[in-house]
Amino acid sequence: LVDSGLMIRRTYQEPGQRPRDGYCLTEAGRQFNVVLYALQQWGDE
């Protein structure tokens, strides 16, 4: 998902912990919501 541009890595760090990678959606990833909802709506029906 990162390689495809749907997500990006962002480093975060909790107090007293080592830095870790977080995974955040890009605009393309956020727009995937339409695809998921279309499949869900179809499945519901």
All heavy atoms as atom14 arrays in JSON, in Angstrom:
{
  "sequence": "LVDSGLMIRRTYQEPGQRPRDGYCLTEAGRQFNVVLYALQQWGDE",
  "atom14_mask": [
    [1, 1, 1, 1, 1, 1, 1, 1, 0, 0, 0, 0, 0, 0],
    [1, 1, 1, 1, 1, 1, 1, 0, 0, 0, 0, 0, 0, 0],
    [1, 1, 1, 1, 1, 1, 1, 1, 0, 0, 0, 0, 0, 0],
    [1, 1, 1, 1, 1, 1, 0, 0, 0, 0, 0, 0, 0, 0],
    [1, 1, 1, 1, 0, 0, 0, 0, 0, 0, 0, 0, 0, 0],
    [1, 1, 1, 1, 1, 1, 1, 1, 0, 0, 0, 0, 0, 0],
    [1, 1, 1, 1, 1, 1, 1, 1, 0, 0, 0, 0, 0, 0],
    [1, 1, 1, 1, 1, 1, 1, 1, 0, 0, 0, 0, 0, 0],
    [1, 1, 1, 1, 1, 1, 1, 1, 1, 1, 1, 0, 0, 0],
    [1, 1, 1, 1, 1, 1, 1, 1, 1, 1, 1, 0, 0, 0],
    [1, 1, 1, 1, 1, 1, 1, 0, 0, 0, 0, 0, 0, 0],
    [1, 1, 1, 1, 1, 1, 1, 1, 1, 1, 1, 1, 0, 0],
    [1, 1, 1, 1, 1, 1, 1, 1, 1, 0, 0, 0, 0, 0],
    [1, 1, 1, 1, 1, 1, 1, 1, 1, 0, 0, 0, 0, 0],
    [1, 1, 1, 1, 1, 1, 1, 0, 0, 0, 0, 0, 0, 0],
    [1, 1, 1, 1, 0, 0, 0, 0, 0, 0, 0, 0, 0, 0],
    [1, 1, 1, 1, 1, 1, 1, 1, 1, 0, 0, 0, 0, 0],
    [1, 1, 1, 1, 1, 1, 1, 1, 1, 1, 1, 0, 0, 0],
    [1, 1, 1, 1, 1, 1, 1, 0, 0, 0, 0, 0, 0, 0],
    [1, 1, 1, 1, 1, 1, 1, 1, 1, 1, 1, 0, 0, 0],
    [1, 1, 1, 1, 1, 1, 1, 1, 0, 0, 0, 0, 0, 0],
    [1, 1, 1, 1, 0, 0, 0, 0, 0, 0, 0, 0, 0, 0],
    [1, 1, 1, 1, 1, 1, 1, 1, 1, 1, 1, 1, 0, 0],
    [1, 1, 1, 1, 1, 1, 0, 0, 0, 0, 0, 0, 0, 0],
    [1, 1, 1, 1, 1, 1, 1, 1, 0, 0, 0, 0, 0, 0],
    [1, 1, 1, 1, 1, 1, 1, 0, 0, 0, 0, 0, 0, 0],
    [1, 1, 1, 1, 1, 1, 1, 1, 1, 0, 0, 0, 0, 0],
    [1, 1, 1, 1, 1, 0, 0, 0, 0, 0, 0, 0, 0, 0],
    [1, 1, 1, 1, 0, 0, 0, 0, 0, 0, 0, 0, 0, 0],
    [1, 1, 1, 1, 1, 1, 1, 1, 1, 1, 1, 0, 0, 0],
    [1, 1, 1, 1, 1, 1, 1, 1, 1, 0, 0, 0, 0, 0],
    [1, 1, 1, 1, 1, 1, 1, 1, 1, 1, 1, 0, 0, 0],
    [1, 1, 1, 1, 1, 1, 1, 1, 0, 0, 0, 0, 0, 0],
    [1, 1, 1, 1, 1, 1, 1, 0, 0, 0, 0, 0, 0, 0],
    [1, 1, 1, 1, 1, 1, 1, 0, 0, 0, 0, 0, 0, 0],
    [1, 1, 1, 1, 1, 1, 1, 1, 0, 0, 0, 0, 0, 0],
    [1, 1, 1, 1, 1, 1, 1, 1, 1, 1, 1, 1, 0, 0],
    [1, 1, 1, 1, 1, 0, 0, 0, 0, 0, 0, 0, 0, 0],
    [1, 1, 1, 1, 1, 1, 1, 1, 0, 0, 0, 0, 0, 0],
    [1, 1, 1, 1, 1, 1, 1, 1, 1, 0, 0, 0, 0, 0],
    [1, 1, 1, 1, 1, 1, 1, 1, 1, 0, 0, 0, 0, 0],
    [1, 1, 1, 1, 1, 1, 1, 1, 1, 1, 1, 1, 1, 1],
    [1, 1, 1, 1, 0, 0, 0, 0, 0, 0, 0, 0, 0, 0],
    [1, 1, 1, 1, 1, 1, 1, 1, 0, 0, 0, 0, 0, 0],
    [1, 1, 1, 1, 1, 1, 1, 1, 1, 0, 0, 0, 0, 0]
  ],
  "atom14_positions": [
    [[0.82, -1.21, 0.0], [0.0, 0.0, 0.0], [0.86, 1.26, 0.0], [0.51, 2.26, -0.64], [-0.96, -0.02, 1.19], [-2.08, -1.06, 1.08], [-2.79, -1.23, 2.41], [-3.05, -0.68, -0.03], [0.0, 0.0, 0.0], [0.0, 0.0, 0.0], [0.0, 0.0, 0.0], [0.0, 0.0, 0.0], [0.0, 0.0, 0.0], [0.0, 0.0, 0.0]],
    [[1.99, 1.22, 0.68], [2.92, 2.36, 0.66], [3.54, 2.49, -0.73], [3.57, 3.58, -1.31], [4.0, 2.21, 1.75], [5.12, 3.23, 1.55], [3.37, 2.38, 3.14], [0.0, 0.0, 0.0], [0.0, 0.0, 0.0], [0.0, 0.0, 0.0], [0.0, 0.0, 0.0], [0.0, 0.0, 0.0], [0.0, 0.0, 0.0], [0.0, 0.0, 0.0]],
    [[4.02, 1.37, -1.27], [4.64, 1.4, -2.6], [3.67, 1.88, -3.68], [4.08, 2.52, -4.65], [5.17, 0.01, -2.99], [6.37, -0.41, -2.16], [6.98, 0.45, -1.49], [6.69, -1.62, -2.18], [0.0, 0.0, 0.0], [0.0, 0.0, 0.0], [0.0, 0.0, 0.0], [0.0, 0.0, 0.0], [0.0, 0.0, 0.0], [0.0, 0.0, 0.0]],
    [[2.4, 1.6, -3.51], [1.4, 1.98, -4.51], [0.91, 3.41, -4.36], [0.19, 3.91, -5.21], [0.2, 1.03, -4.44], [-0.52, 1.27, -3.24], [0.0, 0.0, 0.0], [0.0, 0.0, 0.0], [0.0, 0.0, 0.0], [0.0, 0.0, 0.0], [0.0, 0.0, 0.0], [0.0, 0.0, 0.0], [0.0, 0.0, 0.0], [0.0, 0.0, 0.0]],
    [[1.26, 4.06, -3.24], [0.83, 5.43, -3.03], [-0.51, 5.59, -2.33], [-1.03, 6.7, -2.23], [0.0, 0.0, 0.0], [0.0, 0.0, 0.0], [0.0, 0.0, 0.0], [0.0, 0.0, 0.0], [0.0, 0.0, 0.0], [0.0, 0.0, 0.0], [0.0, 0.0, 0.0], [0.0, 0.0, 0.0], [0.0, 0.0, 0.0], [0.0, 0.0, 0.0]],
    [[-1.08, 4.48, -1.81], [-2.33, 4.59, -1.07], [-2.09, 4.94, 0.4], [-2.98, 5.46, 1.07], [-3.14, 3.29, -1.16], [-3.69, 2.97, -2.54], [-4.36, 1.61, -2.55], [-4.64, 4.04, -3.02], [0.0, 0.0, 0.0], [0.0, 0.0, 0.0], [0.0, 0.0, 0.0], [0.0, 0.0, 0.0], [0.0, 0.0, 0.0], [0.0, 0.0, 0.0]],
    [[-0.89, 4.64, 0.88], [-0.52, 4.99, 2.26], [0.9, 5.54, 2.25], [1.66, 5.3, 1.31], [-0.6, 3.76, 3.18], [-1.98, 3.17, 3.31], [-2.05, 1.78, 4.46], [-2.57, 2.66, 5.93], [0.0, 0.0, 0.0], [0.0, 0.0, 0.0], [0.0, 0.0, 0.0], [0.0, 0.0, 0.0], [0.0, 0.0, 0.0], [0.0, 0.0, 0.0]],
    [[1.23, 6.27, 3.31], [2.6, 6.72, 3.53], [3.01, 6.33, 4.94], [2.16, 6.17, 5.82], [2.76, 8.25, 3.33], [1.83, 9.01, 4.26], [2.53, 8.63, 1.88], [2.09, 10.51, 4.28], [0.0, 0.0, 0.0], [0.0, 0.0, 0.0], [0.0, 0.0, 0.0], [0.0, 0.0, 0.0], [0.0, 0.0, 0.0], [0.0, 0.0, 0.0]],
    [[4.32, 6.19, 5.13], [4.84, 5.92, 6.47], [5.1, 7.26, 7.16], [5.65, 8.17, 6.57], [6.15, 5.16, 6.39], [6.0, 3.71, 6.1], [7.37, 3.0, 6.18], [7.23, 1.63, 5.76], [7.4, 1.2, 4.53], [7.73, 2.03, 3.57], [7.24, -0.06, 4.23], [0.0, 0.0, 0.0], [0.0, 0.0, 0.0], [0.0, 0.0, 0.0]],
    [[4.69, 7.32, 8.42], [4.99, 8.48, 9.25], [5.52, 7.97, 10.58], [4.89, 7.13, 11.22], [3.75, 9.33, 9.51], [3.35, 10.15, 8.33], [2.73, 11.47, 8.8], [2.42, 12.26, 7.63], [1.2, 12.55, 7.22], [0.16, 12.15, 7.91], [1.01, 13.27, 6.15], [0.0, 0.0, 0.0], [0.0, 0.0, 0.0], [0.0, 0.0, 0.0]],
    [[6.65, 8.48, 10.98], [7.23, 8.06, 12.25], [6.49, 8.73, 13.4], [6.17, 9.91, 13.35], [8.73, 8.42, 12.3], [9.37, 7.78, 11.19], [9.36, 7.95, 13.59], [0.0, 0.0, 0.0], [0.0, 0.0, 0.0], [0.0, 0.0, 0.0], [0.0, 0.0, 0.0], [0.0, 0.0, 0.0], [0.0, 0.0, 0.0], [0.0, 0.0, 0.0]],
    [[6.21, 7.95, 14.43], [5.62, 8.48, 15.65], [6.38, 7.88, 16.82], [7.1, 6.88, 16.67], [4.12, 8.16, 15.76], [3.81, 6.71, 16.01], [3.63, 6.24, 17.32], [3.7, 5.8, 14.97], [3.36, 4.9, 17.56], [3.42, 4.47, 15.21], [3.25, 4.02, 16.5], [2.98, 2.7, 16.74], [0.0, 0.0, 0.0], [0.0, 0.0, 0.0]],
    [[6.27, 8.51, 17.98], [6.96, 8.0, 19.15], [6.12, 8.26, 20.39], [5.75, 9.4, 20.67], [8.33, 8.65, 19.29], [9.16, 8.08, 20.42], [10.58, 8.61, 20.41], [10.92, 9.53, 19.66], [11.42, 8.03, 21.24], [0.0, 0.0, 0.0], [0.0, 0.0, 0.0], [0.0, 0.0, 0.0], [0.0, 0.0, 0.0], [0.0, 0.0, 0.0]],
    [[5.8, 7.2, 21.09], [5.11, 7.32, 22.37], [6.13, 7.68, 23.43], [7.31, 7.28, 23.33], [4.43, 5.99, 22.73], [3.37, 5.54, 21.74], [2.13, 6.41, 21.8], [1.84, 7.01, 22.85], [1.44, 6.49, 20.76], [0.0, 0.0, 0.0], [0.0, 0.0, 0.0], [0.0, 0.0, 0.0], [0.0, 0.0, 0.0], [0.0, 0.0, 0.0]],
    [[5.75, 8.41, 24.46], [6.69, 8.76, 25.53], [7.37, 7.51, 26.11], [6.71, 6.52, 26.43], [5.82, 9.44, 26.59], [4.63, 9.94, 25.83], [4.42, 8.95, 24.71], [0.0, 0.0, 0.0], [0.0, 0.0, 0.0], [0.0, 0.0, 0.0], [0.0, 0.0, 0.0], [0.0, 0.0, 0.0], [0.0, 0.0, 0.0], [0.0, 0.0, 0.0]],
    [[8.68, 7.55, 26.15], [9.46, 6.45, 26.7], [9.63, 5.26, 25.77], [10.21, 4.25, 26.16], [0.0, 0.0, 0.0], [0.0, 0.0, 0.0], [0.0, 0.0, 0.0], [0.0, 0.0, 0.0], [0.0, 0.0, 0.0], [0.0, 0.0, 0.0], [0.0, 0.0, 0.0], [0.0, 0.0, 0.0], [0.0, 0.0, 0.0], [0.0, 0.0, 0.0]],
    [[9.14, 5.37, 24.55], [9.23, 4.27, 23.6], [10.13, 4.65, 22.43], [10.42, 5.83, 22.21], [7.84, 3.92, 23.06], [6.85, 3.48, 24.11], [7.19, 2.12, 24.69], [7.6, 1.21, 23.97], [7.03, 1.99, 26.0], [0.0, 0.0, 0.0], [0.0, 0.0, 0.0], [0.0, 0.0, 0.0], [0.0, 0.0, 0.0], [0.0, 0.0, 0.0]],
    [[10.56, 3.67, 21.67], [11.37, 3.93, 20.48], [10.46, 4.43, 19.36], [9.26, 4.16, 19.36], [12.12, 2.68, 20.05], [11.24, 1.57, 19.54], [12.08, 0.38, 19.06], [11.28, -0.75, 18.69], [10.67, -0.92, 17.52], [10.77, 0.0, 16.6], [9.96, -2.0, 17.27], [0.0, 0.0, 0.0], [0.0, 0.0, 0.0], [0.0, 0.0, 0.0]],
    [[11.03, 5.16, 18.41], [10.22, 5.6, 17.26], [9.71, 4.4, 16.46], [10.4, 3.39, 16.34], [11.2, 6.42, 16.43], [12.3, 6.78, 17.35], [12.39, 5.67, 18.35], [0.0, 0.0, 0.0], [0.0, 0.0, 0.0], [0.0, 0.0, 0.0], [0.0, 0.0, 0.0], [0.0, 0.0, 0.0], [0.0, 0.0, 0.0], [0.0, 0.0, 0.0]],
    [[8.52, 4.53, 15.93], [7.91, 3.47, 15.12], [7.28, 4.1, 13.89], [6.95, 5.28, 13.88], [6.83, 2.73, 15.9], [7.34, 2.02, 17.13], [6.18, 1.35, 17.86], [6.62, 0.75, 19.1], [7.01, -0.51, 19.23], [7.01, -1.31, 18.19], [7.41, -0.98, 20.38], [0.0, 0.0, 0.0], [0.0, 0.0, 0.0], [0.0, 0.0, 0.0]],
    [[7.07, 3.26, 12.88], [6.38, 3.72, 11.68], [4.88, 3.59, 11.87], [4.38, 2.55, 12.3], [6.78, 2.89, 10.45], [8.13, 3.27, 9.89], [8.55, 4.41, 10.14], [8.74, 2.44, 9.21], [0.0, 0.0, 0.0], [0.0, 0.0, 0.0], [0.0, 0.0, 0.0], [0.0, 0.0, 0.0], [0.0, 0.0, 0.0], [0.0, 0.0, 0.0]],
    [[4.18, 4.66, 11.53], [2.72, 4.62, 11.43], [2.37, 4.62, 9.96], [3.19, 4.96, 9.1], [0.0, 0.0, 0.0], [0.0, 0.0, 0.0], [0.0, 0.0, 0.0], [0.0, 0.0, 0.0], [0.0, 0.0, 0.0], [0.0, 0.0, 0.0], [0.0, 0.0, 0.0], [0.0, 0.0, 0.0], [0.0, 0.0, 0.0], [0.0, 0.0, 0.0]],
    [[1.16, 4.25, 9.64], [0.73, 4.15, 8.25], [-0.51, 5.0, 8.05], [-1.57, 4.7, 8.6], [0.47, 2.69, 7.87], [1.72, 1.87, 7.99], [2.08, 1.28, 9.2], [2.59, 1.74, 6.92], [3.25, 0.57, 9.32], [3.77, 1.03, 7.03], [4.1, 0.44, 8.24], [5.26, -0.27, 8.35], [0.0, 0.0, 0.0], [0.0, 0.0, 0.0]],
    [[-0.36, 6.07, 7.28], [-1.43, 7.03, 7.07], [-1.88, 6.99, 5.61], [-1.08, 6.81, 4.7], [-0.94, 8.45, 7.39], [-0.37, 8.61, 9.08], [0.0, 0.0, 0.0], [0.0, 0.0, 0.0], [0.0, 0.0, 0.0], [0.0, 0.0, 0.0], [0.0, 0.0, 0.0], [0.0, 0.0, 0.0], [0.0, 0.0, 0.0], [0.0, 0.0, 0.0]],
    [[-3.17, 7.16, 5.42], [-3.72, 7.18, 4.07], [-3.33, 8.45, 3.33], [-3.29, 9.53, 3.91], [-5.25, 7.1, 4.12], [-5.82, 5.79, 4.63], [-7.3, 5.94, 4.96], [-5.61, 4.68, 3.62], [0.0, 0.0, 0.0], [0.0, 0.0, 0.0], [0.0, 0.0, 0.0], [0.0, 0.0, 0.0], [0.0, 0.0, 0.0], [0.0, 0.0, 0.0]],
    [[-3.05, 8.31, 2.06], [-2.87, 9.45, 1.18], [-4.26, 9.85, 0.68], [-5.26, 9.18, 0.99], [-2.0, 9.08, -0.02], [-2.68, 8.06, -0.76], [-0.62, 8.6, 0.41], [0.0, 0.0, 0.0], [0.0, 0.0, 0.0], [0.0, 0.0, 0.0], [0.0, 0.0, 0.0], [0.0, 0.0, 0.0], [0.0, 0.0, 0.0], [0.0, 0.0, 0.0]],
    [[-4.34, 10.87, -0.13], [-5.63, 11.25, -0.72], [-6.2, 10.09, -1.54], [-7.39, 9.8, -1.47], [-5.49, 12.52, -1.58], [-6.8, 13.01, -2.16], [-7.87, 13.34, -1.12], [-7.52, 13.7, 0.02], [-9.06, 13.23, -1.46], [0.0, 0.0, 0.0], [0.0, 0.0, 0.0], [0.0, 0.0, 0.0], [0.0, 0.0, 0.0], [0.0, 0.0, 0.0]],
    [[-5.34, 9.42, -2.3], [-5.81, 8.26, -3.08], [-6.35, 7.17, -2.15], [-7.36, 6.54, -2.44], [-4.68, 7.71, -3.94], [0.0, 0.0, 0.0], [0.0, 0.0, 0.0], [0.0, 0.0, 0.0], [0.0, 0.0, 0.0], [0.0, 0.0, 0.0], [0.0, 0.0, 0.0], [0.0, 0.0, 0.0], [0.0, 0.0, 0.0], [0.0, 0.0, 0.0]],
    [[-5.7, 6.97, -1.03], [-6.17, 5.98, -0.06], [-7.49, 6.38, 0.56], [-8.39, 5.54, 0.73], [0.0, 0.0, 0.0], [0.0, 0.0, 0.0], [0.0, 0.0, 0.0], [0.0, 0.0, 0.0], [0.0, 0.0, 0.0], [0.0, 0.0, 0.0], [0.0, 0.0, 0.0], [0.0, 0.0, 0.0], [0.0, 0.0, 0.0], [0.0, 0.0, 0.0]],
    [[-7.65, 7.66, 0.87], [-8.92, 8.13, 1.44], [-10.06, 7.99, 0.42], [-11.19, 7.68, 0.78], [-8.8, 9.57, 1.93], [-8.0, 9.69, 3.22], [-8.03, 11.1, 3.79], [-7.32, 12.05, 2.96], [-5.99, 12.25, 2.98], [-5.24, 11.56, 3.8], [-5.44, 13.14, 2.2], [0.0, 0.0, 0.0], [0.0, 0.0, 0.0], [0.0, 0.0, 0.0]],
    [[-9.76, 8.2, -0.85], [-10.78, 8.07, -1.89], [-11.21, 6.62, -2.1], [-12.26, 6.36, -2.69], [-10.29, 8.68, -3.2], [-10.23, 10.18, -3.15], [-9.71, 10.78, -4.44], [-9.53, 10.11, -5.44], [-9.47, 12.09, -4.41], [0.0, 0.0, 0.0], [0.0, 0.0, 0.0], [0.0, 0.0, 0.0], [0.0, 0.0, 0.0], [0.0, 0.0, 0.0]],
    [[-10.41, 5.68, -1.61], [-10.78, 4.27, -1.71], [-12.05, 3.97, -0.91], [-12.7, 2.95, -1.11], [-9.62, 3.37, -1.25], [-9.77, 1.95, -1.7], [-9.52, 1.59, -3.0], [-10.18, 0.98, -0.8], [-9.68, 0.28, -3.42], [-10.34, -0.33, -1.21], [-10.1, -0.69, -2.52], [0.0, 0.0, 0.0], [0.0, 0.0, 0.0], [0.0, 0.0, 0.0]],
    [[-12.41, 4.86, -0.03], [-13.64, 4.74, 0.75], [-14.84, 4.49, -0.17], [-15.73, 3.71, 0.15], [-13.84, 6.03, 1.55], [-14.81, 5.87, 2.69], [-15.2, 4.77, 3.05], [-15.21, 6.98, 3.27], [0.0, 0.0, 0.0], [0.0, 0.0, 0.0], [0.0, 0.0, 0.0], [0.0, 0.0, 0.0], [0.0, 0.0, 0.0], [0.0, 0.0, 0.0]],
    [[-14.85, 5.13, -1.33], [-15.95, 4.96, -2.28], [-16.02, 3.51, -2.77], [-17.09, 2.92, -2.87], [-15.8, 5.94, -3.48], [-16.84, 5.67, -4.55], [-15.87, 7.37, -2.98], [0.0, 0.0, 0.0], [0.0, 0.0, 0.0], [0.0, 0.0, 0.0], [0.0, 0.0, 0.0], [0.0, 0.0, 0.0], [0.0, 0.0, 0.0], [0.0, 0.0, 0.0]],
    [[-14.87, 2.93, -3.04], [-14.81, 1.54, -3.51], [-15.32, 0.6, -2.42], [-16.15, -0.29, -2.69], [-13.38, 1.16, -3.93], [-13.29, -0.31, -4.34], [-12.88, 2.08, -5.04], [0.0, 0.0, 0.0], [0.0, 0.0, 0.0], [0.0, 0.0, 0.0], [0.0, 0.0, 0.0], [0.0, 0.0, 0.0], [0.0, 0.0, 0.0], [0.0, 0.0, 0.0]],
    [[-14.82, 0.78, -1.21], [-15.27, -0.08, -0.11], [-16.76, 0.05, 0.12], [-17.47, -0.94, 0.33], [-14.51, 0.26, 1.18], [-13.06, -0.2, 1.24], [-12.41, 0.27, 2.53], [-12.96, -1.71, 1.12], [0.0, 0.0, 0.0], [0.0, 0.0, 0.0], [0.0, 0.0, 0.0], [0.0, 0.0, 0.0], [0.0, 0.0, 0.0], [0.0, 0.0, 0.0]],
    [[-17.27, 1.28, 0.1], [-18.69, 1.46, 0.34], [-19.53, 0.89, -0.8], [-20.59, 0.31, -0.56], [-19.04, 2.93, 0.58], [-20.5, 3.12, 0.95], [-21.11, 2.28, 1.87], [-21.27, 4.09, 0.35], [-22.46, 2.42, 2.19], [-22.61, 4.25, 0.67], [-23.2, 3.41, 1.59], [-24.52, 3.55, 1.89], [0.0, 0.0, 0.0], [0.0, 0.0, 0.0]],
    [[-19.06, 1.02, -2.02], [-19.8, 0.44, -3.15], [-19.92, -1.07, -2.97], [-21.0, -1.64, -3.17], [-19.12, 0.78, -4.47], [0.0, 0.0, 0.0], [0.0, 0.0, 0.0], [0.0, 0.0, 0.0], [0.0, 0.0, 0.0], [0.0, 0.0, 0.0], [0.0, 0.0, 0.0], [0.0, 0.0, 0.0], [0.0, 0.0, 0.0], [0.0, 0.0, 0.0]],
    [[-18.85, -1.73, -2.59], [-18.9, -3.18, -2.36], [-19.82, -3.51, -1.19], [-20.59, -4.47, -1.25], [-17.5, -3.73, -2.11], [-16.63, -3.9, -3.34], [-15.2, -4.21, -2.94], [-17.19, -4.99, -4.23], [0.0, 0.0, 0.0], [0.0, 0.0, 0.0], [0.0, 0.0, 0.0], [0.0, 0.0, 0.0], [0.0, 0.0, 0.0], [0.0, 0.0, 0.0]],
    [[-19.74, -2.73, -0.13], [-20.6, -2.98, 1.02], [-22.07, -2.77, 0.65], [-22.93, -3.58, 1.0], [-20.24, -2.07, 2.18], [-21.15, -2.3, 3.39], [-20.82, -1.38, 4.53], [-19.67, -1.13, 4.82], [-21.85, -0.88, 5.19], [0.0, 0.0, 0.0], [0.0, 0.0, 0.0], [0.0, 0.0, 0.0], [0.0, 0.0, 0.0], [0.0, 0.0, 0.0]],
    [[-22.36, -1.7, -0.05], [-23.74, -1.41, -0.45], [-24.28, -2.53, -1.33], [-25.41, -2.99, -1.16], [-23.78, -0.06, -1.18], [-25.16, 0.44, -1.51], [-25.12, 1.86, -2.04], [-24.63, 2.76, -1.38], [-25.62, 2.05, -3.24], [0.0, 0.0, 0.0], [0.0, 0.0, 0.0], [0.0, 0.0, 0.0], [0.0, 0.0, 0.0], [0.0, 0.0, 0.0]],
    [[-23.46, -3.01, -2.26], [-23.86, -4.12, -3.11], [-24.11, -5.38, -2.26], [-25.11, -6.07, -2.42], [-22.78, -4.39, -4.16], [-23.14, -5.52, -5.08], [-23.86, -5.44, -6.24], [-22.81, -6.9, -4.91], [-23.99, -6.69, -6.79], [-23.36, -7.6, -5.99], [-22.1, -7.6, -3.94], [-23.21, -8.97, -6.14], [-21.97, -8.97, -4.08], [-22.52, -9.64, -5.18]],
    [[-23.19, -5.67, -1.33], [-23.36, -6.83, -0.45], [-24.6, -6.73, 0.41], [-25.32, -7.72, 0.6], [0.0, 0.0, 0.0], [0.0, 0.0, 0.0], [0.0, 0.0, 0.0], [0.0, 0.0, 0.0], [0.0, 0.0, 0.0], [0.0, 0.0, 0.0], [0.0, 0.0, 0.0], [0.0, 0.0, 0.0], [0.0, 0.0, 0.0], [0.0, 0.0, 0.0]],
    [[-24.87, -5.54, 0.95], [-26.07, -5.35, 1.77], [-27.33, -5.67, 0.97], [-28.28, -6.23, 1.5], [-26.16, -3.91, 2.29], [-25.13, -3.59, 3.35], [-24.47, -4.52, 3.86], [-24.99, -2.39, 3.67], [0.0, 0.0, 0.0], [0.0, 0.0, 0.0], [0.0, 0.0, 0.0], [0.0, 0.0, 0.0], [0.0, 0.0, 0.0], [0.0, 0.0, 0.0]],
    [[-27.32, -5.32, -0.3], [-28.51, -5.52, -1.13], [-28.62, -6.94, -1.68], [-29.71, -7.51, -1.74], [-28.5, -4.53, -2.31], [-29.74, -4.62, -3.15], [-29.81, -3.54, -4.22], [-29.15, -2.49, -4.07], [-30.53, -3.75, -5.21], [0.0, 0.0, 0.0], [0.0, 0.0, 0.0], [0.0, 0.0, 0.0], [0.0, 0.0, 0.0], [0.0, 0.0, 0.0]]
  ]
}
